[in-house]
Structure formats: structure tokens, C-alpha cells
PDB file of N, CA and C in Angstrom:
ATOM      1  N   UNK A   1     -52.389  70.281-174.831  1.00  0.00           N
ATOM      2  CA  UNK A   1     -51.489  69.754-173.796  1.00  0.00           C
ATOM      3  C   UNK A   1     -50.075  69.665-174.306  1.00  0.00           C
ATOM      4  N   UNK A   2     -49.167  69.464-173.381  1.00  0.00           N
ATOM      5  CA  UNK A   2     -47.771  69.375-173.777  1.00  0.00           C
ATOM      6  C   UNK A   2     -47.377  67.923-173.937  1.00  0.00           C
ATOM      7  N   UNK A   3     -46.563  67.688-174.925  1.00  0.00           N
ATOM      8  CA  UNK A   3     -46.060  66.340-175.133  1.00  0.00           C
ATOM      9  C   UNK A   3     -44.647  66.285-174.576  1.00  0.00           C
ATOM     10  N   UNK A   4     -44.435  65.403-173.625  1.00  0.00           N
ATOM     11  CA  UNK A   4     -43.094  65.277-173.062  1.00  0.00           C
ATOM     12  C   UNK A   4     -42.313  64.297-173.905  1.00  0.00           C
ATOM     13  N   UNK A   5     -41.255  64.772-174.492  1.00  0.00           N
ATOM     14  CA  UNK A   5     -40.443  63.898-175.319  1.00  0.00           C
ATOM     15  C   UNK A   5     -39.040  63.883-174.755  1.00  0.00           C
ATOM     16  N   UNK A   6     -38.208  63.040-175.321  1.00  0.00           N
ATOM     17  CA  UNK A   6     -36.840  62.963-174.826  1.00  0.00           C
ATOM     18  C   UNK A   6     -36.016  64.135-175.342  1.00  0.00           C
ATOM     19  N   UNK A   7     -36.652  64.999-176.146  1.00  0.00           N
ATOM     20  CA  UNK A   7     -35.890  66.111-176.712  1.00  0.00           C
ATOM     21  C   UNK A   7     -36.075  67.402-175.920  1.00  0.00           C
ATOM     22  N   UNK A   8     -36.411  67.264-174.630  1.00  0.00           N
ATOM     23  CA  UNK A   8     -36.498  68.459-173.792  1.00  0.00           C
ATOM     24  C   UNK A   8     -35.150  69.152-173.759  1.00  0.00           C
ATOM     25  N   UNK A   9     -35.148  70.474-173.754  1.00  0.00           N
ATOM     26  CA  UNK A   9     -33.858  71.155-173.612  1.00  0.00           C
ATOM     27  C   UNK A   9     -33.284  70.873-172.225  1.00  0.00           C
ATOM     28  N   UNK A  10     -31.981  70.717-172.121  1.00  0.00           N
ATOM     29  CA  UNK A  10     -31.409  70.457-170.797  1.00  0.00           C
ATOM     30  C   UNK A  10     -31.581  71.676-169.892  1.00  0.00           C
ATOM     31  N   UNK A  11     -31.612  71.461-168.591  1.00  0.00           N
ATOM     32  CA  UNK A  11     -31.743  72.584-167.664  1.00  0.00           C
ATOM     33  C   UNK A  11     -30.549  73.525-167.777  1.00  0.00           C
ATOM     34  N   UNK A  12     -30.782  74.782-167.484  1.00  0.00           N
ATOM     35  CA  UNK A  12     -29.696  75.764-167.457  1.00  0.00           C
ATOM     36  C   UNK A  12     -29.378  76.055-165.993  1.00  0.00           C
ATOM     37  N   UNK A  13     -28.135  75.843-165.608  1.00  0.00           N
ATOM     38  CA  UNK A  13     -27.764  75.978-164.199  1.00  0.00           C
ATOM     39  C   UNK A  13     -26.981  77.255-163.933  1.00  0.00           C
ATOM     40  N   UNK A  14     -27.255  77.852-162.799  1.00  0.00           N
ATOM     41  CA  UNK A  14     -26.462  78.982-162.312  1.00  0.00           C
ATOM     42  C   UNK A  14     -26.069  78.666-160.876  1.00  0.00           C
ATOM     43  N   UNK A  15     -24.788  78.785-160.575  1.00  0.00           N
ATOM     44  CA  UNK A  15     -24.304  78.468-159.230  1.00  0.00           C
ATOM     45  C   UNK A  15     -23.803  79.728-158.553  1.00  0.00           C
ATOM     46  N   UNK A  16     -24.215  79.916-157.318  1.00  0.00           N
ATOM     47  CA  UNK A  16     -23.778  81.092-156.564  1.00  0.00           C
ATOM     48  C   UNK A  16     -22.902  80.666-155.394  1.00  0.00           C
ATOM     49  N   UNK A  17     -21.767  81.339-155.216  1.00  0.00           N
ATOM     50  CA  UNK A  17     -20.881  81.005-154.098  1.00  0.00           C
ATOM     51  C   UNK A  17     -21.428  81.563-152.782  1.00  0.00           C
ATOM     52  N   UNK A  18     -20.864  81.136-151.662  1.00  0.00           N
ATOM     53  CA  UNK A  18     -21.258  81.713-150.371  1.00  0.00           C
ATOM     54  C   UNK A  18     -20.883  83.191-150.333  1.00  0.00           C
ATOM     55  N   UNK A  19     -21.626  83.972-149.597  1.00  0.00           N
ATOM     56  CA  UNK A  19     -21.265  85.383-149.440  1.00  0.00           C
ATOM     57  C   UNK A  19     -20.091  85.489-148.469  1.00  0.00           C
ATOM     58  N   UNK A  20     -19.381  86.602-148.534  1.00  0.00           N
ATOM     59  CA  UNK A  20     -18.237  86.760-147.640  1.00  0.00           C
ATOM     60  C   UNK A  20     -18.694  86.807-146.181  1.00  0.00           C
ATOM     61  N   UNK A  21     -19.889  87.353-145.938  1.00  0.00           N
ATOM     62  CA  UNK A  21     -20.410  87.383-144.565  1.00  0.00           C
ATOM     63  C   UNK A  21     -20.651  85.967-144.056  1.00  0.00           C
ATOM     64  N   UNK A  22     -21.192  85.121-144.929  1.00  0.00           N
ATOM     65  CA  UNK A  22     -21.421  83.728-144.544  1.00  0.00           C
ATOM     66  C   UNK A  22     -20.103  83.043-144.216  1.00  0.00           C
ATOM     67  N   UNK A  23     -19.113  83.283-145.060  1.00  0.00           N
ATOM     68  CA  UNK A  23     -17.835  82.605-144.866  1.00  0.00           C
ATOM     69  C   UNK A  23     -17.204  82.994-143.533  1.00  0.00           C
ATOM     70  N   UNK A  24     -17.440  84.230-143.110  1.00  0.00           N
ATOM     71  CA  UNK A  24     -16.872  84.659-141.836  1.00  0.00           C
ATOM     72  C   UNK A  24     -17.606  84.021-140.662  1.00  0.00           C
ATOM     73  N   UNK A  25     -18.836  83.621-140.862  1.00  0.00           N
ATOM     74  CA  UNK A  25     -19.604  83.061-139.750  1.00  0.00           C
ATOM     75  C   UNK A  25     -19.481  81.540-139.682  1.00  0.00           C
ATOM     76  N   UNK A  26     -18.706  80.945-140.593  1.00  0.00           N
ATOM     77  CA  UNK A  26     -18.503  79.495-140.621  1.00  0.00           C
ATOM     78  C   UNK A  26     -19.716  78.700-141.077  1.00  0.00           C
ATOM     79  N   UNK A  27     -20.805  79.395-141.423  1.00  0.00           N
ATOM     80  CA  UNK A  27     -21.975  78.686-141.947  1.00  0.00           C
ATOM     81  C   UNK A  27     -22.144  79.141-143.380  1.00  0.00           C
ATOM     82  N   UNK A  28     -21.664  78.364-144.303  1.00  0.00           N
ATOM     83  CA  UNK A  28     -21.719  78.789-145.696  1.00  0.00           C
ATOM     84  C   UNK A  28     -22.692  77.900-146.456  1.00  0.00           C
ATOM     85  N   UNK A  29     -23.268  78.453-147.516  1.00  0.00           N
ATOM     86  CA  UNK A  29     -24.097  77.618-148.377  1.00  0.00           C
ATOM     87  C   UNK A  29     -23.914  78.024-149.823  1.00  0.00           C
ATOM     88  N   UNK A  30     -24.047  77.041-150.679  1.00  0.00           N
ATOM     89  CA  UNK A  30     -24.022  77.269-152.117  1.00  0.00           C
ATOM     90  C   UNK A  30     -25.461  77.226-152.601  1.00  0.00           C
ATOM     91  N   UNK A  31     -25.739  77.984-153.650  1.00  0.00           N
ATOM     92  CA  UNK A  31     -27.079  77.986-154.229  1.00  0.00           C
ATOM     93  C   UNK A  31     -26.966  77.607-155.695  1.00  0.00           C
ATOM     94  N   UNK A  32     -27.763  76.634-156.095  1.00  0.00           N
ATOM     95  CA  UNK A  32     -27.823  76.234-157.500  1.00  0.00           C
ATOM     96  C   UNK A  32     -29.226  76.555-158.000  1.00  0.00           C
ATOM     97  N   UNK A  33     -29.306  77.389-159.034  1.00  0.00           N
ATOM     98  CA  UNK A  33     -30.596  77.671-159.665  1.00  0.00           C
ATOM     99  C   UNK A  33     -30.671  76.887-160.966  1.00  0.00           C
ATOM    100  N   UNK A  34     -31.744  76.154-161.130  1.00  0.00           N
ATOM    101  CA  UNK A  34     -31.940  75.392-162.355  1.00  0.00           C
ATOM    102  C   UNK A  34     -33.163  75.938-163.070  1.00  0.00           C
ATOM    103  N   UNK A  35     -32.960  76.331-164.317  1.00  0.00           N
ATOM    104  CA  UNK A  35     -34.064  76.852-165.115  1.00  0.00           C
ATOM    105  C   UNK A  35     -34.384  75.821-166.187  1.00  0.00           C
ATOM    106  N   UNK A  36     -35.642  75.409-166.272  1.00  0.00           N
ATOM    107  CA  UNK A  36     -35.988  74.338-167.199  1.00  0.00           C
ATOM    108  C   UNK A  36     -37.402  74.505-167.720  1.00  0.00           C
ATOM    109  N   UNK A  37     -37.743  73.664-168.695  1.00  0.00           N
ATOM    110  CA  UNK A  37     -39.016  73.831-169.390  1.00  0.00           C
ATOM    111  C   UNK A  37     -40.166  73.100-168.705  1.00  0.00           C
ATOM    112  N   UNK A  38     -39.887  72.286-167.707  1.00  0.00           N
ATOM    113  CA  UNK A  38     -40.935  71.537-167.006  1.00  0.00           C
ATOM    114  C   UNK A  38     -40.764  71.740-165.500  1.00  0.00           C
ATOM    115  N   UNK A  39     -41.828  71.521-164.720  1.00  0.00           N
ATOM    116  CA  UNK A  39     -41.754  71.864-163.293  1.00  0.00           C
ATOM    117  C   UNK A  39     -41.118  70.804-162.395  1.00  0.00           C
ATOM    118  N   UNK A  40     -40.337  69.917-162.959  1.00  0.00           N
ATOM    119  CA  UNK A  40     -39.714  68.915-162.094  1.00  0.00           C
ATOM    120  C   UNK A  40     -38.317  68.601-162.610  1.00  0.00           C
ATOM    121  N   UNK A  41     -37.464  68.206-161.710  1.00  0.00           N
ATOM    122  CA  UNK A  41     -36.110  67.789-162.063  1.00  0.00           C
ATOM    123  C   UNK A  41     -35.488  67.208-160.809  1.00  0.00           C
ATOM    124  N   UNK A  42     -34.482  66.378-160.990  1.00  0.00           N
ATOM    125  CA  UNK A  42     -33.757  65.824-159.848  1.00  0.00           C
ATOM    126  C   UNK A  42     -32.476  66.601-159.651  1.00  0.00           C
ATOM    127  N   UNK A  43     -32.332  67.203-158.480  1.00  0.00           N
ATOM    128  CA  UNK A  43     -31.118  67.965-158.191  1.00  0.00           C
ATOM    129  C   UNK A  43     -30.254  67.154-157.239  1.00  0.00           C
ATOM    130  N   UNK A  44     -28.988  66.999-157.573  1.00  0.00           N
ATOM    131  CA  UNK A  44     -28.073  66.363-156.635  1.00  0.00           C
ATOM    132  C   UNK A  44     -26.784  67.163-156.584  1.00  0.00           C
ATOM    133  N   UNK A  45     -26.012  66.936-155.543  1.00  0.00           N
ATOM    134  CA  UNK A  45     -24.771  67.681-155.336  1.00  0.00           C
ATOM    135  C   UNK A  45     -23.613  66.714-155.163  1.00  0.00           C
ATOM    136  N   UNK A  46     -22.454  67.145-155.646  1.00  0.00           N
ATOM    137  CA  UNK A  46     -21.212  66.413-155.394  1.00  0.00           C
ATOM    138  C   UNK A  46     -20.250  67.359-154.699  1.00  0.00           C
ATOM    139  N   UNK A  47     -19.456  66.816-153.800  1.00  0.00           N
ATOM    140  CA  UNK A  47     -18.394  67.595-153.162  1.00  0.00           C
ATOM    141  C   UNK A  47     -17.099  66.845-153.406  1.00  0.00           C
ATOM    142  N   UNK A  48     -16.175  67.486-154.100  1.00  0.00           N
ATOM    143  CA  UNK A  48     -14.925  66.815-154.428  1.00  0.00           C
ATOM    144  C   UNK A  48     -15.156  65.550-155.229  1.00  0.00           C
ATOM    145  N   UNK A  49     -16.230  65.531-156.024  1.00  0.00           N
ATOM    146  CA  UNK A  49     -16.520  64.380-156.876  1.00  0.00           C
ATOM    147  C   UNK A  49     -17.340  63.287-156.214  1.00  0.00           C
ATOM    148  N   UNK A  50     -17.623  63.417-154.920  1.00  0.00           N
ATOM    149  CA  UNK A  50     -18.415  62.393-154.226  1.00  0.00           C
ATOM    150  C   UNK A  50     -19.824  62.906-153.951  1.00  0.00           C
ATOM    151  N   UNK A  51     -20.816  62.031-154.083  1.00  0.00           N
ATOM    152  CA  UNK A  51     -22.198  62.463-153.845  1.00  0.00           C
ATOM    153  C   UNK A  51     -22.391  62.957-152.411  1.00  0.00           C
ATOM    154  N   UNK A  52     -23.173  64.009-152.267  1.00  0.00           N
ATOM    155  CA  UNK A  52     -23.485  64.565-150.952  1.00  0.00           C
ATOM    156  C   UNK A  52     -24.880  64.093-150.568  1.00  0.00           C
ATOM    157  N   UNK A  53     -25.047  63.646-149.326  1.00  0.00           N
ATOM    158  CA  UNK A  53     -26.371  63.152-148.941  1.00  0.00           C
ATOM    159  C   UNK A  53     -27.055  64.019-147.899  1.00  0.00           C
ATOM    160  N   UNK A  54     -26.329  64.901-147.229  1.00  0.00           N
ATOM    161  CA  UNK A  54     -26.982  65.713-146.199  1.00  0.00           C
ATOM    162  C   UNK A  54     -26.704  67.189-146.433  1.00  0.00           C
ATOM    163  N   UNK A  55     -27.500  68.028-145.791  1.00  0.00           N
ATOM    164  CA  UNK A  55     -27.291  69.468-145.900  1.00  0.00           C
ATOM    165  C   UNK A  55     -27.855  70.079-147.166  1.00  0.00           C
ATOM    166  N   UNK A  56     -28.709  69.300-147.856  1.00  0.00           N
ATOM    167  CA  UNK A  56     -29.289  69.801-149.111  1.00  0.00           C
ATOM    168  C   UNK A  56     -30.736  70.201-148.874  1.00  0.00           C
ATOM    169  N   UNK A  57     -31.108  71.359-149.372  1.00  0.00           N
ATOM    170  CA  UNK A  57     -32.514  71.741-149.302  1.00  0.00           C
ATOM    171  C   UNK A  57     -32.924  72.298-150.659  1.00  0.00           C
ATOM    172  N   UNK A  58     -33.869  71.624-151.286  1.00  0.00           N
ATOM    173  CA  UNK A  58     -34.260  71.961-152.657  1.00  0.00           C
ATOM    174  C   UNK A  58     -35.710  72.426-152.673  1.00  0.00           C
ATOM    175  N   UNK A  59     -35.942  73.545-153.336  1.00  0.00           N
ATOM    176  CA  UNK A  59     -37.291  74.113-153.368  1.00  0.00           C
ATOM    177  C   UNK A  59     -38.138  73.415-154.423  1.00  0.00           C
ATOM    178  N   UNK A  60     -39.443  73.644-154.352  1.00  0.00           N
ATOM    179  CA  UNK A  60     -40.297  73.216-155.451  1.00  0.00           C
ATOM    180  C   UNK A  60     -40.119  74.200-156.606  1.00  0.00           C
ATOM    181  N   UNK A  61     -40.559  73.798-157.775  1.00  0.00           N
ATOM    182  CA  UNK A  61     -40.373  74.634-158.962  1.00  0.00           C
ATOM    183  C   UNK A  61     -41.302  75.843-158.917  1.00  0.00           C
ATOM    184  N   UNK A  62     -40.781  76.969-159.347  1.00  0.00           N
ATOM    185  CA  UNK A  62     -41.567  78.204-159.408  1.00  0.00           C
ATOM    186  C   UNK A  62     -41.660  78.631-160.866  1.00  0.00           C
ATOM    187  N   UNK A  63     -42.876  78.850-161.336  1.00  0.00           N
ATOM    188  CA  UNK A  63     -43.025  79.252-162.733  1.00  0.00           C
ATOM    189  C   UNK A  63     -42.608  80.705-162.919  1.00  0.00           C
ATOM    190  N   UNK A  64     -41.815  80.947-163.955  1.00  0.00           N
ATOM    191  CA  UNK A  64     -41.309  82.275-164.262  1.00  0.00           C
ATOM    192  C   UNK A  64     -42.207  82.933-165.319  1.00  0.00           C
ATOM    193  N   UNK A  65     -42.101  84.263-165.457  1.00  0.00           N
ATOM    194  CA  UNK A  65     -42.926  84.965-166.460  1.00  0.00           C
ATOM    195  C   UNK A  65     -42.725  84.438-167.881  1.00  0.00           C
ATOM    196  N   UNK A  66     -41.536  83.893-168.167  1.00  0.00           N
ATOM    197  CA  UNK A  66     -41.309  83.398-169.540  1.00  0.00           C
ATOM    198  C   UNK A  66     -41.715  81.933-169.699  1.00  0.00           C
ATOM    199  N   UNK A  67     -42.518  81.429-168.756  1.00  0.00           N
ATOM    200  CA  UNK A  67     -43.059  80.070-168.826  1.00  0.00           C
ATOM    201  C   UNK A  67     -42.027  78.984-168.546  1.00  0.00           C
ATOM    202  N   UNK A  68     -40.839  79.349-168.125  1.00  0.00           N
ATOM    203  CA  UNK A  68     -39.924  78.313-167.667  1.00  0.00           C
ATOM    204  C   UNK A  68     -40.160  78.112-166.173  1.00  0.00           C
ATOM    205  N   UNK A  69     -39.535  77.094-165.629  1.00  0.00           N
ATOM    206  CA  UNK A  69     -39.657  76.811-164.203  1.00  0.00           C
ATOM    207  C   UNK A  69     -38.279  76.886-163.574  1.00  0.00           C
ATOM    208  N   UNK A  70     -38.241  77.420-162.366  1.00  0.00           N
ATOM    209  CA  UNK A  70     -36.958  77.540-161.702  1.00  0.00           C
ATOM    210  C   UNK A  70     -36.982  76.788-160.379  1.00  0.00           C
ATOM    211  N   UNK A  71     -35.967  75.968-160.181  1.00  0.00           N
ATOM    212  CA  UNK A  71     -35.800  75.248-158.924  1.00  0.00           C
ATOM    213  C   UNK A  71     -34.531  75.773-158.275  1.00  0.00           C
ATOM    214  N   UNK A  72     -34.599  76.059-156.986  1.00  0.00           N
ATOM    215  CA  UNK A  72     -33.370  76.449-156.302  1.00  0.00           C
ATOM    216  C   UNK A  72     -33.004  75.379-155.284  1.00  0.00           C
ATOM    217  N   UNK A  73     -31.726  75.065-155.231  1.00  0.00           N
ATOM    218  CA  UNK A  73     -31.241  74.070-154.285  1.00  0.00           C
ATOM    219  C   UNK A  73     -30.099  74.678-153.492  1.00  0.00           C
ATOM    220  N   UNK A  74     -30.150  74.476-152.177  1.00  0.00           N
ATOM    221  CA  UNK A  74     -29.122  75.029-151.296  1.00  0.00           C
ATOM    222  C   UNK A  74     -28.303  73.883-150.723  1.00  0.00           C
ATOM    223  N   UNK A  75     -27.010  74.080-150.668  1.00  0.00           N
ATOM    224  CA  UNK A  75     -26.136  73.080-150.052  1.00  0.00           C
ATOM    225  C   UNK A  75     -25.340  73.752-148.943  1.00  0.00           C
ATOM    226  N   UNK A  76     -25.505  73.238-147.726  1.00  0.00           N
ATOM    227  CA  UNK A  76     -24.712  73.748-146.601  1.00  0.00           C
ATOM    228  C   UNK A  76     -23.314  73.134-146.692  1.00  0.00           C
ATOM    229  N   UNK A  77     -22.304  73.972-146.598  1.00  0.00           N
ATOM    230  CA  UNK A  77     -20.933  73.469-146.730  1.00  0.00           C
ATOM    231  C   UNK A  77     -20.075  73.953-145.566  1.00  0.00           C
ATOM    232  N   UNK A  78     -18.946  73.287-145.395  1.00  0.00           N
ATOM    233  CA  UNK A  78     -17.962  73.704-144.402  1.00  0.00           C
ATOM    234  C   UNK A  78     -17.098  74.797-145.005  1.00  0.00           C
ATOM    235  N   UNK A  79     -16.948  75.883-144.264  1.00  0.00           N
ATOM    236  CA  UNK A  79     -16.094  76.971-144.741  1.00  0.00           C
ATOM    237  C   UNK A  79     -14.677  76.474-145.007  1.00  0.00           C
ATOM    238  N   UNK A  80     -14.211  75.546-144.155  1.00  0.00           N
ATOM    239  CA  UNK A  80     -12.834  75.053-144.321  1.00  0.00           C
ATOM    240  C   UNK A  80     -12.671  74.315-145.653  1.00  0.00           C
ATOM    241  N   UNK A  81     -13.693  73.542-146.035  1.00  0.00           N
ATOM    242  CA  UNK A  81     -13.634  72.847-147.329  1.00  0.00           C
ATOM    243  C   UNK A  81     -13.585  73.853-148.472  1.00  0.00           C
ATOM    244  N   UNK A  82     -14.432  74.874-148.376  1.00  0.00           N
ATOM    245  CA  UNK A  82     -14.469  75.905-149.412  1.00  0.00           C
ATOM    246  C   UNK A  82     -13.108  76.584-149.520  1.00  0.00           C
ATOM    247  N   UNK A  83     -12.530  76.928-148.376  1.00  0.00           N
ATOM    248  CA  UNK A  83     -11.246  77.626-148.385  1.00  0.00           C
ATOM    249  C   UNK A  83     -10.118  76.746-148.914  1.00  0.00           C
ATOM    250  N   UNK A  84     -10.291  75.433-148.808  1.00  0.00           N
ATOM    251  CA  UNK A  84      -9.291  74.520-149.364  1.00  0.00           C
ATOM    252  C   UNK A  84      -9.569  74.222-150.835  1.00  0.00           C
ATOM    253  N   UNK A  85     -10.461  75.018-151.410  1.00  0.00           N
ATOM    254  CA  UNK A  85     -10.770  74.943-152.840  1.00  0.00           C
ATOM    255  C   UNK A  85     -11.350  73.604-153.268  1.00  0.00           C
ATOM    256  N   UNK A  86     -12.098  72.987-152.377  1.00  0.00           N
ATOM    257  CA  UNK A  86     -12.841  71.798-152.779  1.00  0.00           C
ATOM    258  C   UNK A  86     -13.815  72.197-153.889  1.00  0.00           C
ATOM    259  N   UNK A  87     -13.984  71.321-154.864  1.00  0.00           N
ATOM    260  CA  UNK A  87     -14.892  71.606-155.983  1.00  0.00           C
ATOM    261  C   UNK A  87     -16.275  71.027-155.674  1.00  0.00           C
ATOM    262  N   UNK A  88     -17.274  71.855-155.809  1.00  0.00           N
ATOM    263  CA  UNK A  88     -18.660  71.415-155.611  1.00  0.00           C
ATOM    264  C   UNK A  88     -19.367  71.387-156.957  1.00  0.00           C
ATOM    265  N   UNK A  89     -20.218  70.385-157.133  1.00  0.00           N
ATOM    266  CA  UNK A  89     -20.930  70.215-158.398  1.00  0.00           C
ATOM    267  C   UNK A  89     -22.426  70.131-158.131  1.00  0.00           C
ATOM    268  N   UNK A  90     -23.176  70.928-158.857  1.00  0.00           N
ATOM    269  CA  UNK A  90     -24.633  70.815-158.843  1.00  0.00           C
ATOM    270  C   UNK A  90     -25.025  70.070-160.112  1.00  0.00           C
ATOM    271  N   UNK A  91     -25.831  69.030-159.938  1.00  0.00           N
ATOM    272  CA  UNK A  91     -26.190  68.178-161.062  1.00  0.00           C
ATOM    273  C   UNK A  91     -27.712  68.103-161.134  1.00  0.00           C
ATOM    274  N   UNK A  92     -28.263  68.400-162.295  1.00  0.00           N
ATOM    275  CA  UNK A  92     -29.715  68.372-162.445  1.00  0.00           C
ATOM    276  C   UNK A  92     -30.073  67.420-163.577  1.00  0.00           C
ATOM    277  N   UNK A  93     -30.915  66.444-163.259  1.00  0.00           N
ATOM    278  CA  UNK A  93     -31.343  65.467-164.260  1.00  0.00           C
ATOM    279  C   UNK A  93     -32.799  65.707-164.600  1.00  0.00           C
ATOM    280  N   UNK A  94     -33.068  65.668-165.881  1.00  0.00           N
ATOM    281  CA  UNK A  94     -34.410  65.924-166.389  1.00  0.00           C
ATOM    282  C   UNK A  94     -34.633  64.895-167.484  1.00  0.00           C
ATOM    283  N   UNK A  95     -35.360  63.829-167.168  1.00  0.00           N
ATOM    284  CA  UNK A  95     -35.494  62.777-168.165  1.00  0.00           C
ATOM    285  C   UNK A  95     -34.129  62.240-168.530  1.00  0.00           C
ATOM    286  N   UNK A  96     -33.827  62.243-169.830  1.00  0.00           N
ATOM    287  CA  UNK A  96     -32.539  61.711-170.268  1.00  0.00           C
ATOM    288  C   UNK A  96     -31.451  62.781-170.292  1.00  0.00           C
ATOM    289  N   UNK A  97     -31.824  64.016-169.991  1.00  0.00           N
ATOM    290  CA  UNK A  97     -30.856  65.116-170.034  1.00  0.00           C
ATOM    291  C   UNK A  97     -30.254  65.334-168.654  1.00  0.00           C
ATOM    292  N   UNK A  98     -28.958  65.547-168.607  1.00  0.00           N
ATOM    293  CA  UNK A  98     -28.324  65.908-167.343  1.00  0.00           C
ATOM    294  C   UNK A  98     -27.454  67.124-167.571  1.00  0.00           C
ATOM    295  N   UNK A  99     -27.587  68.094-166.685  1.00  0.00           N
ATOM    296  CA  UNK A  99     -26.716  69.262-166.750  1.00  0.00           C
ATOM    297  C   UNK A  99     -25.953  69.319-165.443  1.00  0.00           C
ATOM    298  N   UNK A 100     -24.683  69.707-165.501  1.00  0.00           N
ATOM    299  CA  UNK A 100     -23.979  69.904-164.251  1.00  0.00           C
ATOM    300  C   UNK A 100     -23.066  71.098-164.347  1.00  0.00           C
ATOM    301  N   UNK A 101     -22.793  71.685-163.196  1.00  0.00           N
ATOM    302  CA  UNK A 101     -21.949  72.863-163.159  1.00  0.00           C
ATOM    303  C   UNK A 101     -21.092  72.794-161.903  1.00  0.00           C
ATOM    304  N   UNK A 102     -19.833  73.170-162.052  1.00  0.00           N
ATOM    305  CA  UNK A 102     -18.907  73.140-160.918  1.00  0.00           C
ATOM    306  C   UNK A 102     -18.658  74.539-160.389  1.00  0.00           C
ATOM    307  N   UNK A 103     -18.318  74.601-159.116  1.00  0.00           N
ATOM    308  CA  UNK A 103     -17.895  75.874-158.547  1.00  0.00           C
ATOM    309  C   UNK A 103     -16.827  75.576-157.500  1.00  0.00           C
ATOM    310  N   UNK A 104     -15.840  76.427-157.407  1.00  0.00           N
ATOM    311  CA  UNK A 104     -14.932  76.361-156.272  1.00  0.00           C
ATOM    312  C   UNK A 104     -14.382  77.739-156.009  1.00  0.00           C
ATOM    313  N   UNK A 105     -13.632  77.850-154.929  1.00  0.00           N
ATOM    314  CA  UNK A 105     -13.254  79.180-154.464  1.00  0.00           C
ATOM    315  C   UNK A 105     -12.460  79.956-155.512  1.00  0.00           C
ATOM    316  N   UNK A 106     -11.585  79.254-156.238  1.00  0.00           N
ATOM    317  CA  UNK A 106     -10.725  79.992-157.169  1.00  0.00           C
ATOM    318  C   UNK A 106     -11.494  80.527-158.374  1.00  0.00           C
ATOM    319  N   UNK A 107     -12.737  80.013-158.583  1.00  0.00           N
ATOM    320  CA  UNK A 107     -13.573  80.559-159.664  1.00  0.00           C
ATOM    321  C   UNK A 107     -14.143  81.920-159.302  1.00  0.00           C
ATOM    322  N   UNK A 108     -14.126  82.252-158.024  1.00  0.00           N
ATOM    323  CA  UNK A 108     -14.896  83.395-157.559  1.00  0.00           C
ATOM    324  C   UNK A 108     -13.997  84.570-157.242  1.00  0.00           C
ATOM    325  N   UNK A 109     -14.365  85.741-157.724  1.00  0.00           N
ATOM    326  CA  UNK A 109     -13.574  86.927-157.393  1.00  0.00           C
ATOM    327  C   UNK A 109     -13.648  87.185-155.893  1.00  0.00           C
ATOM    328  N   UNK A 110     -12.559  87.587-155.323  1.00  0.00           N
ATOM    329  CA  UNK A 110     -12.530  87.860-153.889  1.00  0.00           C
ATOM    330  C   UNK A 110     -13.196  89.198-153.616  1.00  0.00           C
ATOM    331  N   UNK A 111     -14.113  89.202-152.675  1.00  0.00           N
ATOM    332  CA  UNK A 111     -14.748  90.466-152.295  1.00  0.00           C
ATOM    333  C   UNK A 111     -13.973  91.054-151.130  1.00  0.00           C
ATOM    334  N   UNK A 112     -13.639  92.307-151.239  1.00  0.00           N
ATOM    335  CA  UNK A 112     -12.954  92.955-150.110  1.00  0.00           C
ATOM    336  C   UNK A 112     -13.979  93.635-149.228  1.00  0.00           C
TER     337      UNK A 112
END
């Protein structure tokens, strides 16, 4: 069996911006992928530094071929907020470890 200790590696986060097609339709979403060594974690989102309570949909963990687990969390956002370069943060807590990653419009290359 596995021994859960406080020395779990922190989750590895990848954040994806809205697609340009989404941005044109005014319904945009951010995707946060969390890769971790156990099948559970708490995912939360911040917008402009404030906790977000609605528009979040987080999947259950899916085991990957390399024995890690991946959780995906989607955050529905306002296109206008994104265009005003509001900073969004995906935060994943796993025991005593917390990982967070920020994304905003200026981080992302413009797609033509």
C-alpha cells in the first residue's frame, strides 16, 4: 500500500487560455490541468486576486499511463474581463502542499 506523508510532491499545473473562437462568442473558459501523485486535490480559482465561487466545473481525477492522476478544472469567464487583462489564478491544494499558477491575456500569444 501507499503511505501518504506530508512529503507528497506538489501538483504540477498547466493553464490554458480561452480559444479565439470562444472569445468571439463571448463565452470563454479557462482550463487548469493539475497533475499529481494521488487521485484527489482541492482546486480553487481566483479572479483578480479574489476567490471565485461560481462558474467552476472540476472533473474527477483520471489516472494517467505514468501512474499520476490528472484533474481538469474549467472556469467560465467574462470575455470583457479577459480583454481587460484581469489575472486569473488556479490554485490546487494537496495536503500541506499548494501550487498555483496565474494566467492573463498578456501572457498569451495573439492568434490571428
